[in-house]
N, C-alpha and C. Protein backbone atom coordinates (compact mmCIF):
# COMPACT_ATOMS: atom_id res chain seq x y z
N UNK A 1 15.20 1.23 2.24
CA UNK A 1 15.32 0.99 3.67
C UNK A 1 14.37 1.91 4.43
N UNK A 2 13.87 1.39 5.50
CA UNK A 2 12.99 2.16 6.38
C UNK A 2 13.38 1.84 7.81
N UNK A 3 12.83 2.60 8.75
CA UNK A 3 13.09 2.31 10.16
C UNK A 3 11.82 1.73 10.77
N UNK A 4 11.91 1.26 12.00
CA UNK A 4 10.75 0.69 12.66
C UNK A 4 9.67 1.75 12.89
N UNK A 5 10.03 3.03 12.84
CA UNK A 5 9.03 4.09 12.97
C UNK A 5 8.12 4.16 11.76
N UNK A 6 8.56 3.61 10.61
CA UNK A 6 7.78 3.65 9.37
C UNK A 6 6.86 2.44 9.21
N UNK A 7 6.90 1.49 10.15
CA UNK A 7 6.08 0.29 10.02
C UNK A 7 4.59 0.63 10.05
N UNK A 8 3.83 -0.05 9.21
CA UNK A 8 2.38 0.07 9.22
C UNK A 8 1.78 -1.24 8.73
N UNK A 9 0.52 -1.46 9.02
CA UNK A 9 -0.15 -2.70 8.60
C UNK A 9 -0.14 -2.81 7.08
N UNK A 10 0.18 -4.01 6.57
CA UNK A 10 0.19 -4.25 5.13
C UNK A 10 1.56 -4.08 4.49
N UNK A 11 2.50 -3.40 5.19
CA UNK A 11 3.84 -3.21 4.65
C UNK A 11 4.55 -4.56 4.54
N UNK A 12 5.29 -4.78 3.45
CA UNK A 12 6.00 -6.05 3.26
C UNK A 12 7.49 -5.82 3.47
N UNK A 13 8.07 -6.62 4.37
CA UNK A 13 9.49 -6.52 4.70
C UNK A 13 10.26 -7.64 4.02
N UNK A 14 11.51 -7.35 3.62
CA UNK A 14 12.39 -8.35 3.03
C UNK A 14 13.42 -8.70 4.10
N UNK A 15 13.20 -9.83 4.79
CA UNK A 15 14.13 -10.22 5.85
C UNK A 15 14.14 -11.73 6.00
N UNK A 16 15.21 -12.25 6.56
CA UNK A 16 15.39 -13.69 6.77
C UNK A 16 15.13 -14.49 5.50
N UNK A 17 15.63 -14.01 4.36
CA UNK A 17 15.49 -14.68 3.07
C UNK A 17 14.03 -14.95 2.70
N UNK A 18 13.16 -14.02 3.03
CA UNK A 18 11.75 -14.18 2.68
C UNK A 18 11.03 -12.84 2.75
N UNK A 19 9.79 -12.85 2.31
CA UNK A 19 8.96 -11.66 2.37
C UNK A 19 7.93 -11.82 3.49
N UNK A 20 7.86 -10.83 4.36
CA UNK A 20 6.98 -10.88 5.53
C UNK A 20 6.08 -9.66 5.54
N UNK A 21 4.78 -9.88 5.64
CA UNK A 21 3.82 -8.78 5.69
C UNK A 21 3.50 -8.45 7.14
N UNK A 22 3.47 -7.15 7.46
CA UNK A 22 3.15 -6.71 8.81
C UNK A 22 1.64 -6.80 9.01
N UNK A 23 1.22 -7.64 9.97
CA UNK A 23 -0.20 -7.76 10.29
C UNK A 23 -0.57 -6.80 11.41
N UNK A 24 0.29 -6.71 12.42
CA UNK A 24 0.06 -5.82 13.56
C UNK A 24 1.41 -5.28 14.03
N UNK A 25 1.38 -4.08 14.60
CA UNK A 25 2.59 -3.54 15.20
C UNK A 25 2.19 -2.68 16.38
N UNK A 26 3.11 -2.57 17.35
CA UNK A 26 2.84 -1.77 18.53
C UNK A 26 4.16 -1.19 19.04
N UNK A 27 4.21 0.15 19.14
CA UNK A 27 5.38 0.80 19.71
C UNK A 27 5.25 0.75 21.23
N UNK A 28 6.31 0.27 21.90
CA UNK A 28 6.27 0.12 23.35
C UNK A 28 7.40 0.94 23.96
N UNK A 29 7.07 1.77 24.94
CA UNK A 29 8.07 2.58 25.66
C UNK A 29 7.95 2.21 27.14
N UNK A 30 8.74 1.23 27.57
CA UNK A 30 8.66 0.82 28.97
C UNK A 30 9.24 1.91 29.88
N UNK A 31 8.92 1.84 31.14
CA UNK A 31 9.44 2.82 32.10
C UNK A 31 10.96 2.72 32.23
N UNK A 32 11.47 1.53 32.13
CA UNK A 32 12.91 1.30 32.21
C UNK A 32 13.39 0.70 30.89
N UNK A 33 14.51 1.12 30.42
CA UNK A 33 15.08 0.52 29.22
C UNK A 33 14.64 1.24 27.95
N UNK A 34 15.20 0.80 26.83
CA UNK A 34 14.91 1.48 25.55
C UNK A 34 13.54 1.08 24.99
N UNK A 35 13.02 1.91 24.10
CA UNK A 35 11.76 1.63 23.42
C UNK A 35 11.96 0.52 22.39
N UNK A 36 10.88 -0.18 22.07
CA UNK A 36 10.95 -1.23 21.05
C UNK A 36 9.61 -1.32 20.33
N UNK A 37 9.62 -2.09 19.23
CA UNK A 37 8.40 -2.28 18.43
C UNK A 37 8.10 -3.77 18.39
N UNK A 38 6.89 -4.13 18.85
CA UNK A 38 6.44 -5.51 18.84
C UNK A 38 5.57 -5.70 17.59
N UNK A 39 5.87 -6.73 16.76
CA UNK A 39 5.13 -6.93 15.51
C UNK A 39 4.63 -8.36 15.39
N UNK A 40 3.60 -8.52 14.58
CA UNK A 40 3.13 -9.84 14.17
C UNK A 40 3.30 -9.85 12.66
N UNK A 41 4.11 -10.79 12.14
CA UNK A 41 4.45 -10.85 10.72
C UNK A 41 3.94 -12.15 10.11
N UNK A 42 3.51 -12.08 8.83
CA UNK A 42 3.04 -13.25 8.10
C UNK A 42 3.91 -13.45 6.88
N UNK A 43 4.45 -14.65 6.71
CA UNK A 43 5.23 -14.98 5.53
C UNK A 43 4.26 -15.05 4.35
N UNK A 44 4.49 -14.23 3.31
CA UNK A 44 3.52 -14.13 2.21
C UNK A 44 3.49 -15.37 1.32
N UNK A 45 4.53 -16.19 1.35
CA UNK A 45 4.53 -17.38 0.51
C UNK A 45 4.01 -18.61 1.27
N UNK A 46 4.40 -18.79 2.53
CA UNK A 46 3.98 -19.98 3.27
C UNK A 46 2.78 -19.73 4.17
N UNK A 47 2.51 -18.48 4.53
CA UNK A 47 1.38 -18.18 5.41
C UNK A 47 1.72 -18.29 6.89
N UNK A 48 2.96 -18.65 7.22
CA UNK A 48 3.36 -18.80 8.61
C UNK A 48 3.35 -17.44 9.30
N UNK A 49 2.86 -17.39 10.54
CA UNK A 49 2.78 -16.15 11.30
C UNK A 49 3.74 -16.23 12.48
N UNK A 50 4.54 -15.18 12.65
CA UNK A 50 5.49 -15.12 13.76
C UNK A 50 5.35 -13.79 14.49
N UNK A 51 5.83 -13.75 15.73
CA UNK A 51 5.94 -12.51 16.49
C UNK A 51 7.41 -12.13 16.50
N UNK A 52 7.71 -10.87 16.23
CA UNK A 52 9.09 -10.41 16.20
C UNK A 52 9.17 -9.04 16.86
N UNK A 53 10.22 -8.84 17.64
CA UNK A 53 10.43 -7.57 18.32
C UNK A 53 11.67 -6.89 17.75
N UNK A 54 11.53 -5.60 17.43
CA UNK A 54 12.63 -4.79 16.92
C UNK A 54 12.95 -3.69 17.93
N UNK A 55 14.22 -3.33 18.05
CA UNK A 55 14.58 -2.15 18.84
C UNK A 55 14.10 -0.92 18.08
N UNK A 56 13.67 0.11 18.79
CA UNK A 56 13.18 1.33 18.16
C UNK A 56 14.28 1.94 17.29
N UNK A 57 13.92 2.39 16.10
CA UNK A 57 14.88 3.02 15.20
C UNK A 57 15.69 2.07 14.36
N UNK A 58 15.51 0.76 14.52
CA UNK A 58 16.24 -0.23 13.73
C UNK A 58 15.85 -0.11 12.26
N UNK A 59 16.82 -0.25 11.38
CA UNK A 59 16.54 -0.19 9.95
C UNK A 59 16.02 -1.55 9.48
N UNK A 60 14.96 -1.52 8.66
CA UNK A 60 14.40 -2.73 8.09
C UNK A 60 14.29 -2.53 6.58
N UNK A 61 14.49 -3.61 5.83
CA UNK A 61 14.43 -3.52 4.38
C UNK A 61 13.00 -3.82 3.92
N UNK A 62 12.43 -2.89 3.16
CA UNK A 62 11.07 -3.08 2.66
C UNK A 62 11.13 -3.65 1.24
N UNK A 63 10.10 -4.39 0.87
CA UNK A 63 10.01 -4.96 -0.47
C UNK A 63 8.98 -4.18 -1.27
N UNK A 64 9.23 -4.05 -2.56
CA UNK A 64 8.29 -3.37 -3.44
C UNK A 64 7.24 -4.37 -3.88
N UNK A 65 6.01 -4.13 -3.46
CA UNK A 65 4.91 -5.03 -3.80
C UNK A 65 3.86 -4.23 -4.58
N UNK A 66 3.54 -4.70 -5.76
CA UNK A 66 2.53 -4.05 -6.60
C UNK A 66 1.20 -4.72 -6.37
N UNK A 67 0.20 -3.94 -5.96
CA UNK A 67 -1.15 -4.46 -5.76
C UNK A 67 -2.04 -3.88 -6.86
N UNK A 68 -2.71 -4.75 -7.61
CA UNK A 68 -3.56 -4.31 -8.71
C UNK A 68 -4.88 -5.06 -8.70
N UNK A 69 -5.91 -4.41 -9.26
CA UNK A 69 -7.20 -5.06 -9.41
C UNK A 69 -7.18 -5.95 -10.64
N UNK A 70 -7.65 -7.17 -10.47
CA UNK A 70 -7.72 -8.13 -11.56
C UNK A 70 -9.13 -8.70 -11.63
N UNK A 71 -9.45 -9.20 -12.81
CA UNK A 71 -10.72 -9.87 -13.04
C UNK A 71 -10.44 -11.35 -13.26
N UNK A 72 -11.18 -12.22 -12.56
CA UNK A 72 -11.01 -13.66 -12.74
C UNK A 72 -11.71 -14.09 -14.02
N UNK A 73 -10.97 -14.76 -14.92
CA UNK A 73 -11.55 -15.19 -16.19
C UNK A 73 -12.01 -16.64 -16.15
N UNK A 74 -11.08 -17.58 -15.88
CA UNK A 74 -11.43 -19.00 -15.91
C UNK A 74 -10.32 -19.82 -15.27
N UNK A 75 -10.62 -21.12 -15.06
CA UNK A 75 -9.63 -22.08 -14.58
C UNK A 75 -9.28 -22.96 -15.77
N UNK A 76 -7.98 -23.00 -16.13
CA UNK A 76 -7.57 -23.77 -17.31
C UNK A 76 -7.28 -25.24 -16.98
N UNK A 77 -7.69 -25.70 -15.81
CA UNK A 77 -7.45 -27.09 -15.42
C UNK A 77 -6.36 -27.19 -14.38
N UNK A 78 -5.37 -26.32 -14.45
CA UNK A 78 -4.31 -26.32 -13.44
C UNK A 78 -4.23 -24.98 -12.73
N UNK A 79 -4.26 -23.89 -13.47
CA UNK A 79 -4.12 -22.56 -12.88
C UNK A 79 -5.39 -21.74 -13.04
N UNK A 80 -5.49 -20.70 -12.21
CA UNK A 80 -6.57 -19.72 -12.32
C UNK A 80 -6.05 -18.55 -13.14
N UNK A 81 -6.78 -18.16 -14.17
CA UNK A 81 -6.34 -17.11 -15.08
C UNK A 81 -7.04 -15.80 -14.73
N UNK A 82 -6.24 -14.77 -14.46
CA UNK A 82 -6.74 -13.43 -14.13
C UNK A 82 -6.30 -12.44 -15.19
N UNK A 83 -7.09 -11.37 -15.38
CA UNK A 83 -6.74 -10.33 -16.34
C UNK A 83 -6.64 -8.99 -15.61
N UNK A 84 -5.54 -8.28 -15.87
CA UNK A 84 -5.37 -6.92 -15.34
C UNK A 84 -6.39 -6.04 -16.04
N UNK A 85 -7.18 -5.31 -15.29
CA UNK A 85 -8.27 -4.51 -15.87
C UNK A 85 -7.78 -3.27 -16.61
N UNK A 86 -6.53 -2.87 -16.39
CA UNK A 86 -6.00 -1.68 -17.07
C UNK A 86 -5.24 -2.05 -18.34
N UNK A 87 -4.38 -3.07 -18.24
CA UNK A 87 -3.51 -3.43 -19.37
C UNK A 87 -4.03 -4.63 -20.17
N UNK A 88 -5.03 -5.33 -19.68
CA UNK A 88 -5.59 -6.53 -20.30
C UNK A 88 -4.58 -7.68 -20.36
N UNK A 89 -3.52 -7.58 -19.57
CA UNK A 89 -2.53 -8.66 -19.48
C UNK A 89 -3.12 -9.79 -18.64
N UNK A 90 -2.91 -11.04 -19.09
CA UNK A 90 -3.43 -12.19 -18.35
C UNK A 90 -2.30 -12.86 -17.60
N UNK A 91 -2.57 -13.25 -16.34
CA UNK A 91 -1.57 -13.94 -15.54
C UNK A 91 -2.18 -15.20 -14.93
N UNK A 92 -1.39 -16.28 -14.84
CA UNK A 92 -1.87 -17.49 -14.17
C UNK A 92 -1.54 -17.43 -12.68
N UNK A 93 -2.42 -17.98 -11.86
CA UNK A 93 -2.19 -18.07 -10.42
C UNK A 93 -2.39 -19.53 -10.02
N UNK A 94 -1.43 -20.09 -9.31
CA UNK A 94 -1.49 -21.50 -8.93
C UNK A 94 -2.53 -21.72 -7.83
N UNK A 95 -3.07 -22.94 -7.72
CA UNK A 95 -4.03 -23.24 -6.66
C UNK A 95 -3.43 -23.04 -5.26
N UNK A 96 -2.14 -23.29 -5.10
CA UNK A 96 -1.49 -23.09 -3.79
C UNK A 96 -1.53 -21.62 -3.40
N UNK A 97 -1.29 -20.73 -4.35
CA UNK A 97 -1.32 -19.29 -4.08
C UNK A 97 -2.75 -18.83 -3.82
N UNK A 98 -3.72 -19.39 -4.53
CA UNK A 98 -5.12 -19.02 -4.36
C UNK A 98 -5.62 -19.38 -2.96
N UNK A 99 -5.27 -20.57 -2.49
CA UNK A 99 -5.72 -21.00 -1.17
C UNK A 99 -7.24 -21.10 -1.10
N UNK A 100 -7.81 -20.68 0.03
CA UNK A 100 -9.26 -20.76 0.23
C UNK A 100 -10.03 -19.74 -0.60
N UNK A 101 -9.35 -18.76 -1.18
CA UNK A 101 -10.04 -17.74 -1.98
C UNK A 101 -10.76 -18.38 -3.17
N UNK A 102 -10.27 -19.51 -3.66
CA UNK A 102 -10.88 -20.15 -4.82
C UNK A 102 -12.31 -20.62 -4.52
N UNK A 103 -12.64 -20.87 -3.27
CA UNK A 103 -13.97 -21.34 -2.90
C UNK A 103 -15.05 -20.29 -3.12
N UNK A 104 -14.66 -19.02 -3.17
CA UNK A 104 -15.66 -17.95 -3.22
C UNK A 104 -15.52 -17.09 -4.48
N UNK A 105 -14.86 -17.62 -5.50
CA UNK A 105 -14.59 -16.83 -6.70
C UNK A 105 -15.41 -17.34 -7.88
N UNK A 106 -16.20 -16.45 -8.48
CA UNK A 106 -16.97 -16.74 -9.69
C UNK A 106 -16.28 -16.11 -10.89
N UNK A 107 -16.56 -16.63 -12.08
CA UNK A 107 -16.02 -16.01 -13.29
C UNK A 107 -16.46 -14.55 -13.34
N UNK A 108 -15.56 -13.69 -13.81
CA UNK A 108 -15.73 -12.24 -13.87
C UNK A 108 -15.70 -11.57 -12.50
N UNK A 109 -15.37 -12.32 -11.46
CA UNK A 109 -15.25 -11.75 -10.12
C UNK A 109 -13.99 -10.91 -10.01
N UNK A 110 -13.99 -9.96 -9.11
CA UNK A 110 -12.85 -9.07 -8.91
C UNK A 110 -11.98 -9.56 -7.74
N UNK A 111 -10.67 -9.32 -7.87
CA UNK A 111 -9.73 -9.68 -6.81
C UNK A 111 -8.54 -8.72 -6.85
N UNK A 112 -7.91 -8.54 -5.71
CA UNK A 112 -6.70 -7.73 -5.61
C UNK A 112 -5.53 -8.71 -5.56
N UNK A 113 -4.59 -8.57 -6.50
CA UNK A 113 -3.44 -9.48 -6.55
C UNK A 113 -2.18 -8.70 -6.26
N UNK A 114 -1.38 -9.22 -5.32
CA UNK A 114 -0.11 -8.61 -4.95
C UNK A 114 1.01 -9.37 -5.64
N UNK A 115 1.92 -8.61 -6.30
CA UNK A 115 3.04 -9.21 -7.01
C UNK A 115 4.35 -8.55 -6.57
N UNK A 116 5.41 -9.36 -6.54
CA UNK A 116 6.75 -8.87 -6.25
C UNK A 116 7.69 -9.49 -7.27
N UNK A 117 8.36 -8.66 -8.05
CA UNK A 117 9.31 -9.10 -9.08
C UNK A 117 8.66 -10.11 -10.03
N UNK A 118 7.41 -9.85 -10.42
CA UNK A 118 6.71 -10.72 -11.36
C UNK A 118 6.12 -11.98 -10.77
N UNK A 119 6.33 -12.21 -9.48
CA UNK A 119 5.79 -13.41 -8.82
C UNK A 119 4.54 -13.02 -8.04
N UNK A 120 3.46 -13.80 -8.20
CA UNK A 120 2.22 -13.54 -7.47
C UNK A 120 2.42 -14.00 -6.02
N UNK A 121 2.20 -13.07 -5.08
CA UNK A 121 2.37 -13.39 -3.66
C UNK A 121 1.09 -13.90 -3.03
N UNK A 122 -0.01 -13.17 -3.24
CA UNK A 122 -1.28 -13.59 -2.68
C UNK A 122 -2.44 -12.95 -3.44
N UNK A 123 -3.61 -13.52 -3.26
CA UNK A 123 -4.84 -13.03 -3.88
C UNK A 123 -5.79 -12.64 -2.76
N UNK A 124 -6.33 -11.43 -2.85
CA UNK A 124 -7.23 -10.92 -1.82
C UNK A 124 -8.59 -10.63 -2.45
N UNK A 125 -9.63 -11.29 -1.95
CA UNK A 125 -10.98 -11.08 -2.45
C UNK A 125 -11.64 -9.95 -1.67
N UNK A 126 -12.76 -9.41 -2.18
CA UNK A 126 -13.52 -8.46 -1.36
C UNK A 126 -13.93 -9.13 -0.05
N UNK A 127 -14.26 -8.35 0.97
CA UNK A 127 -14.59 -8.90 2.29
C UNK A 127 -15.79 -9.84 2.24
N UNK A 128 -16.74 -9.57 1.32
CA UNK A 128 -17.89 -10.46 1.21
C UNK A 128 -18.30 -10.58 -0.26
N UNK A 129 -18.92 -11.71 -0.58
CA UNK A 129 -19.42 -11.95 -1.94
C UNK A 129 -20.85 -12.50 -1.84
N UNK A 130 -21.61 -12.33 -2.92
CA UNK A 130 -22.97 -12.86 -2.99
C UNK A 130 -22.94 -14.11 -3.86
N UNK A 131 -23.38 -15.24 -3.30
CA UNK A 131 -23.40 -16.51 -4.01
C UNK A 131 -24.75 -17.19 -3.82
N UNK A 132 -25.09 -18.08 -4.76
CA UNK A 132 -26.37 -18.78 -4.69
C UNK A 132 -26.19 -20.15 -4.08
N UNK A 133 -27.16 -20.56 -3.25
CA UNK A 133 -27.14 -21.91 -2.68
C UNK A 133 -27.65 -22.87 -3.75
N UNK A 134 -26.86 -23.90 -4.08
CA UNK A 134 -27.29 -24.87 -5.09
C UNK A 134 -27.90 -26.10 -4.46
N UNK A 135 -27.50 -26.44 -3.22
CA UNK A 135 -28.07 -27.62 -2.58
C UNK A 135 -28.06 -27.44 -1.07
N UNK A 136 -29.19 -27.76 -0.46
CA UNK A 136 -29.28 -27.85 0.99
C UNK A 136 -30.50 -28.70 1.30
N UNK A 137 -30.50 -29.34 2.45
CA UNK A 137 -31.65 -30.16 2.85
C UNK A 137 -32.83 -29.24 3.13
N UNK A 138 -34.05 -29.69 2.85
CA UNK A 138 -35.20 -28.83 3.12
C UNK A 138 -35.37 -28.60 4.62
N UNK A 139 -35.90 -27.42 4.96
CA UNK A 139 -36.16 -27.12 6.37
C UNK A 139 -37.34 -27.92 6.87
N UNK A 140 -37.42 -28.11 8.17
CA UNK A 140 -38.51 -28.88 8.78
C UNK A 140 -39.57 -27.95 9.33
N UNK A 141 -40.79 -28.46 9.48
CA UNK A 141 -41.88 -27.67 10.07
C UNK A 141 -41.45 -27.22 11.45
N UNK A 142 -41.65 -25.95 11.75
CA UNK A 142 -41.28 -25.42 13.06
C UNK A 142 -39.92 -24.76 13.08
N UNK A 143 -39.17 -24.82 11.98
CA UNK A 143 -37.87 -24.15 11.95
C UNK A 143 -38.08 -22.64 12.06
N UNK A 144 -37.27 -22.02 12.83
CA UNK A 144 -37.39 -20.59 13.04
C UNK A 144 -36.18 -19.88 12.45
N UNK A 145 -36.29 -18.55 12.32
CA UNK A 145 -35.18 -17.78 11.76
C UNK A 145 -34.01 -17.69 12.74
N UNK A 146 -34.28 -17.93 14.00
CA UNK A 146 -33.18 -17.97 14.97
C UNK A 146 -32.99 -19.42 15.37
N UNK A 147 -31.81 -19.77 15.77
CA UNK A 147 -31.61 -21.14 16.22
C UNK A 147 -30.53 -21.83 15.43
N UNK A 148 -30.81 -23.06 15.00
CA UNK A 148 -29.81 -23.92 14.43
C UNK A 148 -29.38 -23.57 13.02
N UNK A 149 -28.40 -24.33 12.56
CA UNK A 149 -27.89 -24.16 11.20
C UNK A 149 -27.82 -25.52 10.53
N UNK A 150 -27.66 -25.49 9.21
CA UNK A 150 -27.52 -26.72 8.43
C UNK A 150 -26.49 -26.47 7.35
N UNK A 151 -25.88 -27.54 6.81
CA UNK A 151 -24.89 -27.34 5.74
C UNK A 151 -25.58 -26.99 4.42
N UNK A 152 -24.89 -26.17 3.63
CA UNK A 152 -25.39 -25.80 2.30
C UNK A 152 -24.20 -25.73 1.35
N UNK A 153 -24.44 -26.11 0.08
CA UNK A 153 -23.41 -26.05 -0.96
C UNK A 153 -23.70 -24.84 -1.84
N UNK A 154 -22.67 -24.03 -2.08
CA UNK A 154 -22.81 -22.83 -2.89
C UNK A 154 -22.50 -23.13 -4.36
N UNK A 155 -22.79 -22.18 -5.24
CA UNK A 155 -22.57 -22.38 -6.68
C UNK A 155 -21.11 -22.57 -7.03
N UNK A 156 -20.18 -22.17 -6.16
CA UNK A 156 -18.76 -22.38 -6.41
C UNK A 156 -18.27 -23.73 -5.90
N UNK A 157 -19.15 -24.46 -5.18
CA UNK A 157 -18.77 -25.76 -4.63
C UNK A 157 -18.38 -25.69 -3.15
N UNK A 158 -18.31 -24.49 -2.59
CA UNK A 158 -17.95 -24.33 -1.18
C UNK A 158 -19.12 -24.76 -0.30
N UNK A 159 -18.80 -25.33 0.86
CA UNK A 159 -19.82 -25.72 1.84
C UNK A 159 -19.75 -24.76 3.02
N UNK A 160 -20.92 -24.21 3.40
CA UNK A 160 -21.00 -23.31 4.55
C UNK A 160 -22.19 -23.71 5.40
N UNK A 161 -22.29 -23.15 6.60
CA UNK A 161 -23.43 -23.35 7.49
C UNK A 161 -24.40 -22.19 7.31
N UNK A 162 -25.70 -22.51 7.10
CA UNK A 162 -26.72 -21.47 6.92
C UNK A 162 -27.87 -21.75 7.89
N UNK A 163 -28.73 -20.74 8.15
CA UNK A 163 -29.90 -20.97 9.00
C UNK A 163 -30.83 -22.01 8.39
N UNK A 164 -31.64 -22.65 9.25
CA UNK A 164 -32.51 -23.75 8.83
C UNK A 164 -33.56 -23.36 7.79
N UNK A 165 -33.99 -22.09 7.76
CA UNK A 165 -35.09 -21.70 6.88
C UNK A 165 -34.67 -21.46 5.43
N UNK A 166 -33.37 -21.42 5.12
CA UNK A 166 -32.94 -21.15 3.75
C UNK A 166 -33.10 -22.38 2.86
N UNK A 167 -33.39 -22.12 1.57
CA UNK A 167 -33.59 -23.20 0.60
C UNK A 167 -32.65 -23.03 -0.58
N UNK A 168 -32.55 -24.06 -1.41
CA UNK A 168 -31.75 -23.99 -2.64
C UNK A 168 -32.31 -22.89 -3.54
N UNK A 169 -31.42 -22.15 -4.22
CA UNK A 169 -31.83 -21.06 -5.09
C UNK A 169 -31.78 -19.71 -4.41
N UNK A 170 -31.58 -19.68 -3.10
CA UNK A 170 -31.49 -18.43 -2.36
C UNK A 170 -30.09 -17.84 -2.50
N UNK A 171 -30.01 -16.54 -2.71
CA UNK A 171 -28.71 -15.86 -2.76
C UNK A 171 -28.35 -15.40 -1.35
N UNK A 172 -27.08 -15.68 -0.96
CA UNK A 172 -26.62 -15.32 0.37
C UNK A 172 -25.31 -14.55 0.29
N UNK A 173 -25.06 -13.73 1.29
CA UNK A 173 -23.81 -12.99 1.40
C UNK A 173 -22.88 -13.80 2.30
N UNK A 174 -21.64 -14.02 1.82
CA UNK A 174 -20.68 -14.87 2.53
C UNK A 174 -19.41 -14.09 2.80
N UNK A 175 -18.87 -14.20 4.01
CA UNK A 175 -17.60 -13.58 4.39
C UNK A 175 -16.47 -14.41 3.77
N UNK A 176 -15.63 -13.80 2.93
CA UNK A 176 -14.57 -14.56 2.24
C UNK A 176 -13.40 -14.89 3.14
N UNK A 177 -13.28 -14.24 4.29
CA UNK A 177 -12.15 -14.51 5.17
C UNK A 177 -12.33 -15.81 5.94
N UNK A 178 -13.57 -16.09 6.41
CA UNK A 178 -13.77 -17.30 7.20
C UNK A 178 -14.91 -18.18 6.69
N UNK A 179 -15.57 -17.79 5.61
CA UNK A 179 -16.62 -18.61 5.03
C UNK A 179 -17.92 -18.60 5.83
N UNK A 180 -18.15 -17.57 6.62
CA UNK A 180 -19.37 -17.55 7.43
C UNK A 180 -20.52 -16.87 6.68
N UNK A 181 -21.72 -17.28 7.02
CA UNK A 181 -22.94 -16.73 6.45
C UNK A 181 -23.19 -15.34 7.05
N UNK A 182 -23.42 -14.33 6.20
CA UNK A 182 -23.65 -12.97 6.67
C UNK A 182 -25.10 -12.52 6.52
N UNK A 183 -25.85 -13.13 5.61
CA UNK A 183 -27.24 -12.74 5.44
C UNK A 183 -27.78 -13.14 4.09
N UNK A 184 -29.09 -12.99 3.95
CA UNK A 184 -29.78 -13.32 2.71
C UNK A 184 -29.82 -12.08 1.84
N UNK A 185 -29.75 -12.27 0.51
CA UNK A 185 -29.79 -11.15 -0.43
C UNK A 185 -31.03 -11.32 -1.31
N UNK A 186 -31.79 -10.25 -1.47
CA UNK A 186 -33.01 -10.32 -2.30
C UNK A 186 -32.70 -10.04 -3.75
């Protein structure tokens, strides 16, 4: 058990028959009335985000979540297979749990996996990854480095928007949170 004074970003709470991760919190002390804590919580299994207010000092139940570094090995047709880098234990992760992270994951790629009571809660990739463009339309004469964008397919099969001057075979840095183009890599 913890109190609302112990809340911090990333903490997982066990409440309302589910696990909720704290995304944001703010202690508020109004001029009149008691202090309270305003939070933004994300359900770790469904991804639903809610706003919840707690009275200051209220006890909240925290969940034990183990976060470990894993290496992505392969997709066996249904699940994604990861290996714990310390114990060499392999665990399957369902496509539903992977979500959009699967679009930016190459074999031997690293990921942080959070588990609670042996159940995989979510997979967190590094903030950015380097991937190669496998297909994009050729740029036209007069295309500049600033200006428009065009669709491109990456080696993982993900589609992103890139500047007009990029060609197939170019390595690019991609933000794994929103799939945006961050820059070219030499």
